[in-house]
PDB file of N, CA and C in Angstrom:
ATOM      1  N   MET A   1      87.652 150.716 115.209  1.00  0.00           N
ATOM      2  CA  MET A   1      88.748 149.632 115.080  1.00  0.00           C
ATOM      3  C   MET A   1      88.771 148.875 115.512  1.00  0.00           C
ATOM      4  N   ARG A   2      88.358 147.703 114.690  1.00  0.00           N
ATOM      5  CA  ARG A   2      89.008 146.433 116.664  1.00  0.00           C
ATOM      6  C   ARG A   2      90.312 146.272 116.211  1.00  0.00           C
ATOM      7  N   PRO A   3      90.976 145.521 118.070  1.00  0.00           N
ATOM      8  CA  PRO A   3      92.207 145.425 117.306  1.00  0.00           C
ATOM      9  C   PRO A   3      92.340 143.634 116.826  1.00  0.00           C
ATOM     10  N   ARG A   4      93.146 143.481 116.762  1.00  0.00           N
ATOM     11  CA  ARG A   4      93.315 142.795 115.537  1.00  0.00           C
ATOM     12  C   ARG A   4      94.529 141.262 116.611  1.00  0.00           C
ATOM     13  N   ARG A   5      93.706 140.254 116.099  1.00  0.00           N
ATOM     14  CA  ARG A   5      93.702 138.591 116.853  1.00  0.00           C
ATOM     15  C   ARG A   5      95.119 138.491 117.001  1.00  0.00           C
ATOM     16  N   SER A   6      95.686 137.789 117.651  1.00  0.00           N
ATOM     17  CA  SER A   6      96.978 136.892 117.060  1.00  0.00           C
ATOM     18  C   SER A   6      96.767 136.070 116.366  1.00  0.00           C
ATOM     19  N   PRO A   7      97.087 135.448 115.710  1.00  0.00           N
ATOM     20  CA  PRO A   7      96.609 133.548 114.668  1.00  0.00           C
ATOM     21  C   PRO A   7      96.968 132.563 115.582  1.00  0.00           C
ATOM     22  N   ARG A   8      95.644 131.803 115.065  1.00  0.00           N
ATOM     23  CA  ARG A   8      96.223 130.675 116.368  1.00  0.00           C
ATOM     24  C   ARG A   8      97.098 129.539 116.253  1.00  0.00           C
ATOM     25  N   THR A   9      97.916 129.082 117.251  1.00  0.00           N
ATOM     26  CA  THR A   9      98.993 127.664 116.834  1.00  0.00           C
ATOM     27  C   THR A   9      98.467 127.301 116.270  1.00  0.00           C
ATOM     28  N   LEU A  10      98.925 126.045 114.876  1.00  0.00           N
ATOM     29  CA  LEU A  10      98.655 125.220 114.183  1.00  0.00           C
ATOM     30  C   LEU A  10      98.034 124.006 114.846  1.00  0.00           C
ATOM     31  N   GLY A  11      98.323 122.989 116.056  1.00  0.00           N
ATOM     32  CA  GLY A  11      97.864 122.704 117.135  1.00  0.00           C
ATOM     33  C   GLY A  11      96.470 122.934 117.572  1.00  0.00           C
ATOM     34  N   ALA A  12      96.095 123.676 118.124  1.00  0.00           N
ATOM     35  CA  ALA A  12      94.837 124.525 118.767  1.00  0.00           C
ATOM     36  C   ALA A  12      93.850 124.137 117.214  1.00  0.00           C
ATOM     37  N   ALA A  13      94.271 125.062 116.306  1.00  0.00           N
ATOM     38  CA  ALA A  13      93.325 124.770 114.708  1.00  0.00           C
ATOM     39  C   ALA A  13      93.050 122.821 114.520  1.00  0.00           C
ATOM     40  N   LEU A  14      93.787 122.182 113.594  1.00  0.00           N
ATOM     41  CA  LEU A  14      93.729 121.194 114.684  1.00  0.00           C
ATOM     42  C   LEU A  14      92.515 120.385 115.259  1.00  0.00           C
ATOM     43  N   ARG A  15      93.365 120.372 116.693  1.00  0.00           N
ATOM     44  CA  ARG A  15      91.993 119.930 117.736  1.00  0.00           C
ATOM     45  C   ARG A  15      90.901 120.472 117.089  1.00  0.00           C
ATOM     46  N   GLN A  16      90.360 121.540 117.152  1.00  0.00           N
ATOM     47  CA  GLN A  16      89.235 122.383 117.160  1.00  0.00           C
ATOM     48  C   GLN A  16      88.293 121.193 115.820  1.00  0.00           C
ATOM     49  N   ALA A  17      89.129 121.686 114.480  1.00  0.00           N
ATOM     50  CA  ALA A  17      89.053 120.677 113.838  1.00  0.00           C
ATOM     51  C   ALA A  17      88.912 119.414 113.429  1.00  0.00           C
ATOM     52  N   ARG A  18      89.505 118.811 114.136  1.00  0.00           N
ATOM     53  CA  ARG A  18      89.359 117.380 114.933  1.00  0.00           C
ATOM     54  C   ARG A  18      88.125 117.033 115.348  1.00  0.00           C
ATOM     55  N   ALA A  19      87.869 117.838 116.737  1.00  0.00           N
ATOM     56  CA  ALA A  19      86.810 117.764 117.428  1.00  0.00           C
ATOM     57  C   ALA A  19      85.238 117.393 116.398  1.00  0.00           C
ATOM     58  N   GLY A  20      85.456 119.130 116.041  1.00  0.00           N
ATOM     59  CA  GLY A  20      84.070 118.711 115.156  1.00  0.00           C
ATOM     60  C   GLY A  20      83.773 118.222 113.598  1.00  0.00           C
ATOM     61  N   ALA A  21      84.807 117.523 113.513  1.00  0.00           N
ATOM     62  CA  ALA A  21      84.501 116.080 112.302  1.00  0.00           C
ATOM     63  C   ALA A  21      84.488 115.149 112.579  1.00  0.00           C
ATOM     64  N   GLU A  22      84.425 114.539 114.056  1.00  0.00           N
ATOM     65  CA  GLU A  22      84.308 113.196 114.648  1.00  0.00           C
ATOM     66  C   GLU A  22      83.415 112.836 114.843  1.00  0.00           C
ATOM     67  N   PRO A  23      83.002 111.208 114.780  1.00  0.00           N
ATOM     68  CA  PRO A  23      81.793 111.221 114.888  1.00  0.00           C
ATOM     69  C   PRO A  23      81.229 111.023 115.881  1.00  0.00           C
ATOM     70  N   LYS A  24      79.739 110.987 116.636  1.00  0.00           N
ATOM     71  CA  LYS A  24      79.602 110.978 117.953  1.00  0.00           C
ATOM     72  C   LYS A  24      79.666 110.116 118.375  1.00  0.00           C
ATOM     73  N   THR A  25      80.165 108.904 118.791  1.00  0.00           N
ATOM     74  CA  THR A  25      80.001 107.360 118.670  1.00  0.00           C
ATOM     75  C   THR A  25      80.620 107.356 119.809  1.00  0.00           C
ATOM     76  N   LEU A  26      80.465 105.852 120.268  1.00  0.00           N
ATOM     77  CA  LEU A  26      81.274 105.437 121.789  1.00  0.00           C
ATOM     78  C   LEU A  26      82.966 105.123 121.481  1.00  0.00           C
ATOM     79  N   LEU A  27      82.361 104.567 119.688  1.00  0.00           N
ATOM     80  CA  LEU A  27      83.511 104.040 119.741  1.00  0.00           C
ATOM     81  C   LEU A  27      84.876 105.106 119.330  1.00  0.00           C
ATOM     82  N   ALA A  28      84.332 106.321 118.695  1.00  0.00           N
ATOM     83  CA  ALA A  28      84.693 107.107 118.104  1.00  0.00           C
ATOM     84  C   ALA A  28      86.022 108.152 119.109  1.00  0.00           C
ATOM     85  N   ALA A  29      85.110 108.082 120.442  1.00  0.00           N
ATOM     86  CA  ALA A  29      85.221 108.960 121.325  1.00  0.00           C
ATOM     87  C   ALA A  29      86.575 107.672 122.461  1.00  0.00           C
ATOM     88  N   ALA A  30      86.123 106.757 122.092  1.00  0.00           N
ATOM     89  CA  ALA A  30      87.083 105.862 122.461  1.00  0.00           C
ATOM     90  C   ALA A  30      88.493 105.402 121.552  1.00  0.00           C
ATOM     91  N   GLN A  31      88.336 105.258 120.544  1.00  0.00           N
ATOM     92  CA  GLN A  31      89.482 105.684 119.776  1.00  0.00           C
ATOM     93  C   GLN A  31      90.394 106.694 120.356  1.00  0.00           C
ATOM     94  N   SER A  32      89.862 107.849 120.338  1.00  0.00           N
ATOM     95  CA  SER A  32      90.588 109.099 121.015  1.00  0.00           C
ATOM     96  C   SER A  32      91.127 108.835 122.385  1.00  0.00           C
ATOM     97  N   ALA A  33      90.459 108.520 123.007  1.00  0.00           N
ATOM     98  CA  ALA A  33      90.727 108.515 124.333  1.00  0.00           C
ATOM     99  C   ALA A  33      92.042 107.316 124.585  1.00  0.00           C
ATOM    100  N   TRP A  34      91.808 106.591 123.493  1.00  0.00           N
ATOM    101  CA  TRP A  34      92.674 105.214 123.664  1.00  0.00           C
ATOM    102  C   TRP A  34      94.479 105.127 124.281  1.00  0.00           C
ATOM    103  N   PRO A  35      94.874 106.472 123.514  1.00  0.00           N
ATOM    104  CA  PRO A  35      96.613 106.647 123.609  1.00  0.00           C
ATOM    105  C   PRO A  35      96.632 107.252 125.140  1.00  0.00           C
ATOM    106  N   THR A  36      96.051 108.434 125.621  1.00  0.00           N
ATOM    107  CA  THR A  36      96.125 108.977 126.813  1.00  0.00           C
ATOM    108  C   THR A  36      95.223 107.825 127.700  1.00  0.00           C
ATOM    109  N   ALA A  37      94.602 107.005 127.892  1.00  0.00           N
ATOM    110  CA  ALA A  37      94.506 106.098 128.585  1.00  0.00           C
ATOM    111  C   ALA A  37      94.948 104.701 128.836  1.00  0.00           C
ATOM    112  N   ALA A  38      95.644 103.890 127.818  1.00  0.00           N
ATOM    113  CA  ALA A  38      96.452 103.434 127.884  1.00  0.00           C
ATOM    114  C   ALA A  38      98.211 103.308 127.828  1.00  0.00           C
ATOM    115  N   GLY A  39      97.941 104.262 127.588  1.00  0.00           N
ATOM    116  CA  GLY A  39      99.970 104.848 127.393  1.00  0.00           C
ATOM    117  C   GLY A  39     100.338 104.853 125.602  1.00  0.00           C
ATOM    118  N   ILE A  40     100.711 105.429 125.464  1.00  0.00           N
ATOM    119  CA  ILE A  40     102.161 105.104 124.295  1.00  0.00           C
ATOM    120  C   ILE A  40     102.392 103.917 123.818  1.00  0.00           C
ATOM    121  N   ARG A  41     102.624 103.313 124.494  1.00  0.00           N
ATOM    122  CA  ARG A  41     103.576 101.700 123.944  1.00  0.00           C
ATOM    123  C   ARG A  41     102.373 100.762 123.881  1.00  0.00           C
ATOM    124  N   ILE A  42     101.098 101.252 124.804  1.00  0.00           N
ATOM    125  CA  ILE A  42     100.295  99.783 124.771  1.00  0.00           C
ATOM    126  C   ILE A  42      99.069 100.254 123.663  1.00  0.00           C
ATOM    127  N   ALA A  43      99.254 101.255 123.471  1.00  0.00           N
ATOM    128  CA  ALA A  43      98.781 102.317 122.354  1.00  0.00           C
ATOM    129  C   ALA A  43      99.143 101.909 120.875  1.00  0.00           C
ATOM    130  N   ALA A  44     100.568 101.480 120.713  1.00  0.00           N
ATOM    131  CA  ALA A  44     101.166 101.310 119.368  1.00  0.00           C
ATOM    132  C   ALA A  44     101.419  99.954 119.121  1.00  0.00           C
ATOM    133  N   GLU A  45     100.584  98.959 120.167  1.00  0.00           N
ATOM    134  CA  GLU A  45     100.382  97.441 119.753  1.00  0.00           C
ATOM    135  C   GLU A  45      98.612  97.552 119.955  1.00  0.00           C
ATOM    136  N   ALA A  46      97.827  97.890 120.361  1.00  0.00           N
ATOM    137  CA  ALA A  46      96.868  97.857 120.443  1.00  0.00           C
ATOM    138  C   ALA A  46      95.371  99.288 120.178  1.00  0.00           C
ATOM    139  N   GLU A  47      94.578  98.558 119.711  1.00  0.00           N
ATOM    140  CA  GLU A  47      93.603  99.999 119.277  1.00  0.00           C
ATOM    141  C   GLU A  47      92.073  99.561 119.275  1.00  0.00           C
ATOM    142  N   PRO A  48      91.366 100.845 119.425  1.00  0.00           N
ATOM    143  CA  PRO A  48      89.906 100.101 119.355  1.00  0.00           C
ATOM    144  C   PRO A  48      89.266 100.097 118.175  1.00  0.00           C
ATOM    145  N   VAL A  49      89.046  98.686 117.325  1.00  0.00           N
ATOM    146  CA  VAL A  49      88.045  98.598 116.164  1.00  0.00           C
ATOM    147  C   VAL A  49      86.453  98.100 116.036  1.00  0.00           C
ATOM    148  N   ALA A  50      86.221  98.289 117.111  1.00  0.00           N
ATOM    149  CA  ALA A  50      84.718  98.048 117.222  1.00  0.00           C
ATOM    150  C   ALA A  50      83.695  98.288 118.280  1.00  0.00           C
ATOM    151  N   GLU A  51      82.593  98.217 118.273  1.00  0.00           N
ATOM    152  CA  GLU A  51      81.359  98.364 119.692  1.00  0.00           C
ATOM    153  C   GLU A  51      80.282  98.670 119.230  1.00  0.00           C
ATOM    154  N   ARG A  52      80.315  97.615 120.841  1.00  0.00           N
ATOM    155  CA  ARG A  52      78.452  96.675 120.195  1.00  0.00           C
ATOM    156  C   ARG A  52      77.314  96.505 122.279  1.00  0.00           C
ATOM    157  N   ASP A  53      77.103  96.818 122.016  1.00  0.00           N
ATOM    158  CA  ASP A  53      76.235  97.373 123.502  1.00  0.00           C
ATOM    159  C   ASP A  53      77.448  97.794 124.465  1.00  0.00           C
ATOM    160  N   GLY A  54      77.936  98.335 124.473  1.00  0.00           N
ATOM    161  CA  GLY A  54      78.870  99.107 125.281  1.00  0.00           C
ATOM    162  C   GLY A  54      80.123  98.675 125.745  1.00  0.00           C
ATOM    163  N   VAL A  55      80.826  97.389 124.684  1.00  0.00           N
ATOM    164  CA  VAL A  55      81.688  96.672 125.290  1.00  0.00           C
ATOM    165  C   VAL A  55      82.707  96.976 124.048  1.00  0.00           C
ATOM    166  N   VAL A  56      84.160  97.377 124.365  1.00  0.00           N
ATOM    167  CA  VAL A  56      84.996  98.333 123.445  1.00  0.00           C
ATOM    168  C   VAL A  56      86.025  97.154 122.974  1.00  0.00           C
ATOM    169  N   THR A  57      86.203  96.268 121.309  1.00  0.00           N
ATOM    170  CA  THR A  57      86.618  95.605 120.818  1.00  0.00           C
ATOM    171  C   THR A  57      88.109  96.189 120.800  1.00  0.00           C
ATOM    172  N   ILE A  58      89.758  95.546 121.233  1.00  0.00           N
ATOM    173  CA  ILE A  58      90.211  96.253 120.923  1.00  0.00           C
ATOM    174  C   ILE A  58      91.085  95.340 120.383  1.00  0.00           C
ATOM    175  N   ALA A  59      92.098  95.474 119.312  1.00  0.00           N
ATOM    176  CA  ALA A  59      92.933  94.893 118.232  1.00  0.00           C
ATOM    177  C   ALA A  59      94.090  94.810 118.881  1.00  0.00           C
ATOM    178  N   CYS A  60      94.495  93.933 118.859  1.00  0.00           N
ATOM    179  CA  CYS A  60      96.070  93.505 119.337  1.00  0.00           C
ATOM    180  C   CYS A  60      96.988  92.781 118.249  1.00  0.00           C
ATOM    181  N   ARG A  61      98.337  93.443 118.662  1.00  0.00           N
ATOM    182  CA  ARG A  61      99.167  92.912 117.516  1.00  0.00           C
ATOM    183  C   ARG A  61      99.563  91.504 117.796  1.00  0.00           C
ATOM    184  N   SER A  62      99.286  90.488 118.197  1.00  0.00           N
ATOM    185  CA  SER A  62      99.855  89.349 119.116  1.00  0.00           C
ATOM    186  C   SER A  62      98.968  89.095 120.343  1.00  0.00           C
ATOM    187  N   ALA A  63      98.939  87.018 120.415  1.00  0.00           N
ATOM    188  CA  ALA A  63      97.607  86.734 121.772  1.00  0.00           C
ATOM    189  C   ALA A  63      98.427  87.232 121.873  1.00  0.00           C
ATOM    190  N   THR A  64     100.222  87.496 122.720  1.00  0.00           N
ATOM    191  CA  THR A  64     100.437  88.670 124.100  1.00  0.00           C
ATOM    192  C   THR A  64     100.048  89.363 124.073  1.00  0.00           C
ATOM    193  N   TRP A  65      99.877  90.140 123.767  1.00  0.00           N
ATOM    194  CA  TRP A  65      99.611  91.604 123.968  1.00  0.00           C
ATOM    195  C   TRP A  65      97.716  91.737 124.157  1.00  0.00           C
ATOM    196  N   ALA A  66      96.995  90.599 123.075  1.00  0.00           N
ATOM    197  CA  ALA A  66      95.964  90.608 124.168  1.00  0.00           C
ATOM    198  C   ALA A  66      95.061  89.659 125.468  1.00  0.00           C
ATOM    199  N   GLN A  67      96.312  89.001 125.400  1.00  0.00           N
ATOM    200  CA  GLN A  67      96.645  88.026 126.874  1.00  0.00           C
ATOM    201  C   GLN A  67      96.716  88.934 128.259  1.00  0.00           C
ATOM    202  N   GLU A  68      98.165  89.947 127.699  1.00  0.00           N
ATOM    203  CA  GLU A  68      98.828  90.865 128.465  1.00  0.00           C
ATOM    204  C   GLU A  68      96.959  91.740 128.943  1.00  0.00           C
ATOM    205  N   LEU A  69      96.551  92.252 127.784  1.00  0.00           N
ATOM    206  CA  LEU A  69      96.002  93.522 128.105  1.00  0.00           C
ATOM    207  C   LEU A  69      94.322  92.665 128.248  1.00  0.00           C
ATOM    208  N   ASP A  70      93.939  91.565 128.496  1.00  0.00           N
ATOM    209  CA  ASP A  70      93.400  91.149 129.519  1.00  0.00           C
ATOM    210  C   ASP A  70      93.280  91.287 130.144  1.00  0.00           C
ATOM    211  N   LEU A  71      94.601  90.364 131.526  1.00  0.00           N
ATOM    212  CA  LEU A  71      94.717  91.007 133.065  1.00  0.00           C
ATOM    213  C   LEU A  71      94.167  92.579 133.551  1.00  0.00           C
ATOM    214  N   LEU A  72      94.665  92.738 132.425  1.00  0.00           N
ATOM    215  CA  LEU A  72      94.458  94.478 133.011  1.00  0.00           C
ATOM    216  C   LEU A  72      93.320  95.504 132.653  1.00  0.00           C
ATOM    217  N   GLN A  73      92.483  94.385 132.288  1.00  0.00           N
ATOM    218  CA  GLN A  73      90.885  95.023 131.551  1.00  0.00           C
ATOM    219  C   GLN A  73      90.277  95.985 131.954  1.00  0.00           C
ATOM    220  N   GLU A  74      90.744  95.929 133.340  1.00  0.00           N
ATOM    221  CA  GLU A  74      89.520  96.634 135.034  1.00  0.00           C
ATOM    222  C   GLU A  74      90.463  97.903 135.100  1.00  0.00           C
ATOM    223  N   GLU A  75      91.742  97.713 135.189  1.00  0.00           N
ATOM    224  CA  GLU A  75      92.696  99.358 135.192  1.00  0.00           C
ATOM    225  C   GLU A  75      92.560 100.714 133.995  1.00  0.00           C
ATOM    226  N   LEU A  76      92.632  99.412 132.728  1.00  0.00           N
ATOM    227  CA  LEU A  76      92.878 100.308 131.683  1.00  0.00           C
ATOM    228  C   LEU A  76      91.044 100.447 131.234  1.00  0.00           C
ATOM    229  N   LEU A  77      90.150  99.454 132.034  1.00  0.00           N
ATOM    230  CA  LEU A  77      88.459  99.955 131.574  1.00  0.00           C
ATOM    231  C   LEU A  77      88.566 101.338 132.233  1.00  0.00           C
ATOM    232  N   GLU A  78      88.833 102.000 133.386  1.00  0.00           N
ATOM    233  CA  GLU A  78      88.418 102.705 134.350  1.00  0.00           C
ATOM    234  C   GLU A  78      89.587 103.928 134.192  1.00  0.00           C
ATOM    235  N   ARG A  79      90.324 104.050 133.222  1.00  0.00           N
ATOM    236  CA  ARG A  79      91.808 104.580 132.681  1.00  0.00           C
ATOM    237  C   ARG A  79      90.821 104.977 131.983  1.00  0.00           C
ATOM    238  N   LEU A  80      90.192 104.519 130.976  1.00  0.00           N
ATOM    239  CA  LEU A  80      89.450 104.463 129.531  1.00  0.00           C
ATOM    240  C   LEU A  80      87.661 105.337 129.627  1.00  0.00           C
ATOM    241  N   ASN A  81      87.418 105.159 130.824  1.00  0.00           N
ATOM    242  CA  ASN A  81      86.297 106.087 131.136  1.00  0.00           C
ATOM    243  C   ASN A  81      86.811 106.929 131.877  1.00  0.00           C
ATOM    244  N   GLY A  82      87.310 106.773 132.144  1.00  0.00           N
ATOM    245  CA  GLY A  82      88.345 108.276 132.967  1.00  0.00           C
ATOM    246  C   GLY A  82      88.298 109.776 131.936  1.00  0.00           C
ATOM    247  N   ALA A  83      89.323 108.895 130.990  1.00  0.00           N
ATOM    248  CA  ALA A  83      89.677 109.877 129.898  1.00  0.00           C
ATOM    249  C   ALA A  83      88.833 110.164 129.025  1.00  0.00           C
ATOM    250  N   LEU A  84      87.233 109.337 128.936  1.00  0.00           N
ATOM    251  CA  LEU A  84      86.417 109.827 128.744  1.00  0.00           C
ATOM    252  C   LEU A  84      85.464 110.705 129.125  1.00  0.00           C
ATOM    253  N   SER A  85      85.634 110.908 129.859  1.00  0.00           N
ATOM    254  CA  SER A  85      84.611 111.897 131.488  1.00  0.00           C
ATOM    255  C   SER A  85      85.217 112.677 131.111  1.00  0.00           C
ATOM    256  N   GLU A  86      86.385 113.178 131.226  1.00  0.00           N
ATOM    257  CA  GLU A  86      87.817 115.039 131.124  1.00  0.00           C
ATOM    258  C   GLU A  86      87.510 114.832 129.778  1.00  0.00           C
ATOM    259  N   ALA A  87      87.308 114.294 128.263  1.00  0.00           N
ATOM    260  CA  ALA A  87      87.193 114.673 127.243  1.00  0.00           C
ATOM    261  C   ALA A  87      85.873 115.382 127.292  1.00  0.00           C
ATOM    262  N   ASP A  88      84.727 115.533 128.381  1.00  0.00           N
ATOM    263  CA  ASP A  88      83.722 116.602 128.586  1.00  0.00           C
ATOM    264  C   ASP A  88      83.376 115.804 126.951  1.00  0.00           C
ATOM    265  N   ARG A  89      83.170 114.475 126.085  1.00  0.00           N
ATOM    266  CA  ARG A  89      82.041 113.766 125.293  1.00  0.00           C
ATOM    267  C   ARG A  89      80.209 113.797 125.403  1.00  0.00           C
ATOM    268  N   GLY A  90      80.061 115.118 125.502  1.00  0.00           N
ATOM    269  CA  GLY A  90      79.244 115.421 125.638  1.00  0.00           C
ATOM    270  C   GLY A  90      77.860 114.391 124.832  1.00  0.00           C
ATOM    271  N   ALA A  91      78.056 114.162 123.383  1.00  0.00           N
ATOM    272  CA  ALA A  91      77.017 112.636 122.864  1.00  0.00           C
ATOM    273  C   ALA A  91      77.092 111.168 123.499  1.00  0.00           C
ATOM    274  N   ILE A  92      78.059 110.680 123.944  1.00  0.00           N
ATOM    275  CA  ILE A  92      78.484 110.226 124.689  1.00  0.00           C
ATOM    276  C   ILE A  92      77.529 109.445 125.618  1.00  0.00           C
ATOM    277  N   ALA A  93      76.616 109.028 126.346  1.00  0.00           N
ATOM    278  CA  ALA A  93      75.461 109.045 127.223  1.00  0.00           C
ATOM    279  C   ALA A  93      76.164 107.840 128.434  1.00  0.00           C
ATOM    280  N   ALA A  94      76.677 106.952 127.919  1.00  0.00           N
ATOM    281  CA  ALA A  94      77.506 105.602 127.903  1.00  0.00           C
ATOM    282  C   ALA A  94      78.693 105.516 128.492  1.00  0.00           C
ATOM    283  N   PRO A  95      78.917 104.429 129.646  1.00  0.00           N
ATOM    284  CA  PRO A  95      80.459 104.569 129.348  1.00  0.00           C
ATOM    285  C   PRO A  95      81.065 103.629 128.981  1.00  0.00           C
ATOM    286  N   VAL A  96      82.204 102.654 128.611  1.00  0.00           N
ATOM    287  CA  VAL A  96      82.450 101.713 128.037  1.00  0.00           C
ATOM    288  C   VAL A  96      81.934 100.987 129.257  1.00  0.00           C
ATOM    289  N   ARG A  97      81.396  99.827 128.701  1.00  0.00           N
ATOM    290  CA  ARG A  97      80.919  98.947 130.107  1.00  0.00           C
ATOM    291  C   ARG A  97      82.167  97.272 130.294  1.00  0.00           C
ATOM    292  N   ALA A  98      83.193  97.349 129.274  1.00  0.00           N
ATOM    293  CA  ALA A  98      83.803  96.071 128.875  1.00  0.00           C
ATOM    294  C   ALA A  98      84.966  96.283 127.938  1.00  0.00           C
ATOM    295  N   LEU A  99      85.573  95.973 127.757  1.00  0.00           N
ATOM    296  CA  LEU A  99      86.941  95.974 126.951  1.00  0.00           C
ATOM    297  C   LEU A  99      86.850  94.251 126.166  1.00  0.00           C
ATOM    298  N   ARG A 100      86.979  94.043 125.244  1.00  0.00           N
ATOM    299  CA  ARG A 100      87.522  92.635 125.283  1.00  0.00           C
ATOM    300  C   ARG A 100      89.114  92.657 123.758  1.00  0.00           C
ATOM    301  N   PHE A 101      89.625  91.675 123.711  1.00  0.00           N
ATOM    302  CA  PHE A 101      90.578  92.447 123.278  1.00  0.00           C
ATOM    303  C   PHE A 101      90.416  91.047 122.702  1.00  0.00           C
ATOM    304  N   THR A 102      91.576  90.641 121.218  1.00  0.00           N
ATOM    305  CA  THR A 102      91.732  90.010 119.750  1.00  0.00           C
ATOM    306  C   THR A 102      92.953  90.392 119.011  1.00  0.00           C
ATOM    307  N   ALA A 103      93.408  89.313 119.295  1.00  0.00           N
ATOM    308  CA  ALA A 103      94.898  88.932 118.397  1.00  0.00           C
ATOM    309  C   ALA A 103      95.051  89.424 116.971  1.00  0.00           C
ATOM    310  N   ASP A 104      94.411  89.727 116.278  1.00  0.00           N
ATOM    311  CA  ASP A 104      93.805  90.326 114.609  1.00  0.00           C
ATOM    312  C   ASP A 104      94.410  91.618 114.139  1.00  0.00           C
ATOM    313  N   ALA A 105      94.672  92.049 115.174  1.00  0.00           N
ATOM    314  CA  ALA A 105      95.187  93.685 114.234  1.00  0.00           C
ATOM    315  C   ALA A 105      95.247  93.778 113.206  1.00  0.00           C
ATOM    316  N   PRO A 106      96.857  92.652 112.185  1.00  0.00           N
ATOM    317  CA  PRO A 106      97.124  92.436 111.361  1.00  0.00           C
ATOM    318  C   PRO A 106      96.088  93.352 110.359  1.00  0.00           C
ATOM    319  N   ARG A 107      95.541  92.339 110.990  1.00  0.00           N
ATOM    320  CA  ARG A 107      93.590  93.133 109.819  1.00  0.00           C
ATOM    321  C   ARG A 107      93.227  94.018 109.867  1.00  0.00           C
ATOM    322  N   HIS A 108      93.281  94.834 110.752  1.00  0.00           N
ATOM    323  CA  HIS A 108      92.686  96.198 111.190  1.00  0.00           C
ATOM    324  C   HIS A 108      93.948  97.409 111.168  1.00  0.00           C
ATOM    325  N   ILE A 109      95.044  96.633 111.465  1.00  0.00           N
ATOM    326  CA  ILE A 109      96.110  98.614 111.431  1.00  0.00           C
ATOM    327  C   ILE A 109      96.382  97.757 110.013  1.00  0.00           C
ATOM    328  N   ASP A 110      97.388  99.418 110.011  1.00  0.00           N
ATOM    329  CA  ASP A 110      98.117  99.477 108.992  1.00  0.00           C
ATOM    330  C   ASP A 110      97.547  98.739 107.804  1.00  0.00           C
TER     331      ASP A 110
END
């Protein structure tokens, strides 16, 4: 008789299920990594909504946020690509080339 394994935590089970259900696209990977890369405060105000040819569009809640994040683009891009490589997104061949910030989050968020 095999010894009984202890049950997994709910968090571990949910992470595993989410990883299996997540589409293998650059946008999906960027959406998952964005809160880690950008931080909680920025992630509450802006989120990735589209991707084309390695350019990820980030919808911001206001033009002020879009402008401020555009000024931080190089740092955010570096942190996002770092978070993507740490997350071991094997199906994602190319990193994010650039970020584009727009002030149309109400159309995408909530």
